[in-house]
C-alpha atoms as a PDB file:
ATOM      1  CA  MET A   1      -4.230   9.935  -1.565  1.00  0.00           C
ATOM      2  CA  VAL A   2      -5.372   6.329  -1.650  1.00  0.00           C
ATOM      3  CA  ILE A   3      -2.820   3.655  -0.795  1.00  0.00           C
ATOM      4  CA  LYS A   4      -2.793   0.773  -3.231  1.00  0.00           C
ATOM      5  CA  HIS A   5      -3.387  -2.649  -1.718  1.00  0.00           C
ATOM      6  CA  ALA A   6       0.147  -3.886  -2.468  1.00  0.00           C
ATOM      7  CA  SER A   7       1.624  -0.776  -0.855  1.00  0.00           C
ATOM      8  CA  ALA A   8      -0.561  -1.099   2.266  1.00  0.00           C
ATOM      9  CA  LYS A   9       0.302  -4.800   2.524  1.00  0.00           C
ATOM     10  CA  SER A  10       4.030  -4.132   2.268  1.00  0.00           C
ATOM     11  CA  LYS A  11       3.733  -1.440   4.958  1.00  0.00           C
ATOM     12  CA  GLY A  12       2.084  -3.996   7.259  1.00  0.00           C
ATOM     13  CA  THR A  13       4.678  -6.638   6.422  1.00  0.00           C
ATOM     14  CA  ARG A  14       7.478  -4.200   7.319  1.00  0.00           C
ATOM     15  CA  LEU A  15       5.871  -3.601  10.728  1.00  0.00           C
ATOM     16  CA  GLU A  16       5.457  -7.350  11.324  1.00  0.00           C
ATOM     17  CA  ARG A  17       9.156  -7.874  10.550  1.00  0.00           C
ATOM     18  CA  LEU A  18      10.155  -4.972  12.805  1.00  0.00           C
ATOM     19  CA  VAL A  19       8.169  -6.496  15.696  1.00  0.00           C
ATOM     20  CA  LYS A  20       9.802  -9.904  15.215  1.00  0.00           C
ATOM     21  CA  ASP A  21      13.307  -8.511  14.774  1.00  0.00           C
ATOM     22  CA  ASP A  22      13.066  -6.090  17.721  1.00  0.00           C
ATOM     23  CA  LEU A  23      11.788  -8.804  20.055  1.00  0.00           C
ATOM     24  CA  GLU A  24      14.531 -11.208  18.995  1.00  0.00           C
ATOM     25  CA  ALA A  25      17.120  -8.441  19.494  1.00  0.00           C
ATOM     26  CA  ILE A  26      16.178  -8.272  23.194  1.00  0.00           C
ATOM     27  CA  GLY A  27      16.235 -12.059  23.581  1.00  0.00           C
ATOM     28  CA  ILE A  28      12.528 -12.829  23.138  1.00  0.00           C
ATOM     29  CA  LYS A  29      11.601 -15.842  20.986  1.00  0.00           C
ATOM     30  CA  ALA A  30       9.295 -14.442  18.268  1.00  0.00           C
ATOM     31  CA  ARG A  31       7.872 -15.299  14.853  1.00  0.00           C
ATOM     32  CA  ARG A  32       5.745 -13.867  12.089  1.00  0.00           C
ATOM     33  CA  GLN A  33       2.654 -16.003  11.680  1.00  0.00           C
ATOM     34  CA  PRO A  34       2.276 -17.852   8.354  1.00  0.00           C
ATOM     35  CA  GLY A  35      -0.249 -16.123   6.109  1.00  0.00           C
ATOM     36  CA  SER A  36      -0.322 -13.025   8.299  1.00  0.00           C
ATOM     37  CA  GLY A  37      -3.304 -14.213  10.308  1.00  0.00           C
ATOM     38  CA  ILE A  38      -5.410 -15.819   7.570  1.00  0.00           C
ATOM     39  CA  TYR A  39      -5.055 -19.376   8.901  1.00  0.00           C
ATOM     40  CA  SER A  40      -7.069 -20.422  11.966  1.00  0.00           C
ATOM     41  CA  ASP A  41      -4.071 -22.337  13.352  1.00  0.00           C
ATOM     42  CA  PHE A  42      -1.983 -19.143  13.196  1.00  0.00           C
ATOM     43  CA  PRO A  43      -4.211 -16.240  14.233  1.00  0.00           C
ATOM     44  CA  HIS A  44      -2.980 -12.644  14.093  1.00  0.00           C
ATOM     45  CA  ASP A  45       0.314 -11.390  12.666  1.00  0.00           C
ATOM     46  CA  ASN A  46       3.060 -12.269  15.152  1.00  0.00           C
ATOM     47  CA  ALA A  47       3.617 -14.435  18.201  1.00  0.00           C
ATOM     48  CA  PHE A  48       6.212 -14.311  20.934  1.00  0.00           C
ATOM     49  CA  GLU A  49       7.009 -16.233  24.074  1.00  0.00           C
ATOM     50  CA  VAL A  50       7.883 -14.865  27.508  1.00  0.00           C
ATOM     51  CA  ARG A  51       8.384 -17.057  30.583  1.00  0.00           C
ATOM     52  CA  GLY A  52       6.906 -20.067  28.775  1.00  0.00           C
ATOM     53  CA  LYS A  53       3.691 -18.351  27.690  1.00  0.00           C
ATOM     54  CA  GLU A  54       2.865 -17.487  24.080  1.00  0.00           C
ATOM     55  CA  TYR A  55       1.337 -14.117  23.220  1.00  0.00           C
ATOM     56  CA  LEU A  56      -0.281 -13.070  19.938  1.00  0.00           C
ATOM     57  CA  VAL A  57       0.261  -9.698  18.291  1.00  0.00           C
ATOM     58  CA  GLU A  58      -1.902  -7.897  15.739  1.00  0.00           C
ATOM     59  CA  CYS A  59       0.012  -5.279  13.728  1.00  0.00           C
ATOM     60  CA  LYS A  60      -1.588  -2.224  12.110  1.00  0.00           C
ATOM     61  CA  ALA A  61       0.441   0.351  10.194  1.00  0.00           C
ATOM     62  CA  ARG A  62      -1.454   3.570   9.544  1.00  0.00           C
ATOM     63  CA  LYS A  63      -0.449   6.906   8.110  1.00  0.00           C
ATOM     64  CA  ASP A  64      -1.346   8.923  11.211  1.00  0.00           C
ATOM     65  CA  GLY A  65      -1.339   6.119  13.785  1.00  0.00           C
ATOM     66  CA  HIS A  66      -3.801   7.049  16.496  1.00  0.00           C
ATOM     67  CA  ARG A  67      -3.609  10.822  16.850  1.00  0.00           C
ATOM     68  CA  THR A  68      -6.197  11.024  19.628  1.00  0.00           C
ATOM     69  CA  LEU A  69      -4.480   8.339  21.714  1.00  0.00           C
ATOM     70  CA  ASP A  70      -1.114  10.011  21.162  1.00  0.00           C
ATOM     71  CA  ARG A  71      -2.571  13.294  22.361  1.00  0.00           C
ATOM     72  CA  TRP A  72      -4.211  11.669  25.394  1.00  0.00           C
ATOM     73  CA  ILE A  73      -1.081   9.821  26.520  1.00  0.00           C
ATOM     74  CA  GLY A  74       0.928  13.048  26.481  1.00  0.00           C
ATOM     75  CA  LYS A  75       4.149  12.474  28.405  1.00  0.00           C
ATOM     76  CA  ALA A  76       2.791   9.565  30.452  1.00  0.00           C
ATOM     77  CA  ASP A  77       4.263   6.088  30.111  1.00  0.00           C
ATOM     78  CA  PHE A  78       0.856   4.381  29.741  1.00  0.00           C
ATOM     79  CA  LEU A  79      -2.680   5.287  28.775  1.00  0.00           C
ATOM     80  CA  VAL A  80      -5.426   3.030  30.154  1.00  0.00           C
ATOM     81  CA  ILE A  81      -8.717   3.127  28.249  1.00  0.00           C
ATOM     82  CA  ARG A  82     -11.923   1.313  29.092  1.00  0.00           C
ATOM     83  CA  ALA A  83     -15.116   1.233  27.098  1.00  0.00           C
ATOM     84  CA  ASP A  84     -18.278   0.838  29.161  1.00  0.00           C
ATOM     85  CA  ARG A  85     -18.553  -2.664  30.613  1.00  0.00           C
ATOM     86  CA  LYS A  86     -15.372  -3.820  28.852  1.00  0.00           C
ATOM     87  CA  GLU A  87     -11.918  -4.806  30.041  1.00  0.00           C
ATOM     88  CA  PRO A  88      -9.391  -1.915  30.149  1.00  0.00           C
ATOM     89  CA  HIS A  89      -6.747  -1.676  27.417  1.00  0.00           C
ATOM     90  CA  VAL A  90      -3.259  -0.231  27.777  1.00  0.00           C
ATOM     91  CA  TYR A  91      -1.664   2.022  25.168  1.00  0.00           C
ATOM     92  CA  MET A  92       2.091   2.634  25.277  1.00  0.00           C
ATOM     93  CA  THR A  93       5.058   3.173  23.004  1.00  0.00           C
ATOM     94  CA  TRP A  94       6.841   0.216  21.455  1.00  0.00           C
ATOM     95  CA  LYS A  95       9.981   1.297  23.332  1.00  0.00           C
ATOM     96  CA  MET A  96       8.110   1.090  26.666  1.00  0.00           C
ATOM     97  CA  PHE A  97       6.702  -2.338  25.781  1.00  0.00           C
ATOM     98  CA  LYS A  98      10.169  -3.734  24.994  1.00  0.00           C
ATOM     99  CA  GLU A  99      11.463  -2.252  28.250  1.00  0.00           C
ATOM    100  CA  LEU A 100       8.726  -4.070  30.197  1.00  0.00           C
ATOM    101  CA  ILE A 101       9.189  -7.516  28.647  1.00  0.00           C
ATOM    102  CA  GLY A 102      12.913  -7.425  27.995  1.00  0.00           C
ATOM    103  CA  PRO A 103      15.656  -8.784  30.226  1.00  0.00           C
END
């Protein structure tokens, strides 16, 4: 099944709103970026501030998420992945992320 553009866009918009609303619910100042990342002054989809520093968030909503990463993380709290000669990345659940940055 092919997702129509409008449907895929609305799925992404729902995720962007969830990110903003969830962060605000735990006391983190957050916003959806105007134009969903199309303007150079507002890169990426969301932004939030913790301890005076702003962070940018890119949101991707996919049918199956990342099955391989989900399998690799298993029951661990974090999965650290590093491509050759690149900086490591951390994969975790949204719940774990909110727990780390929340009050």
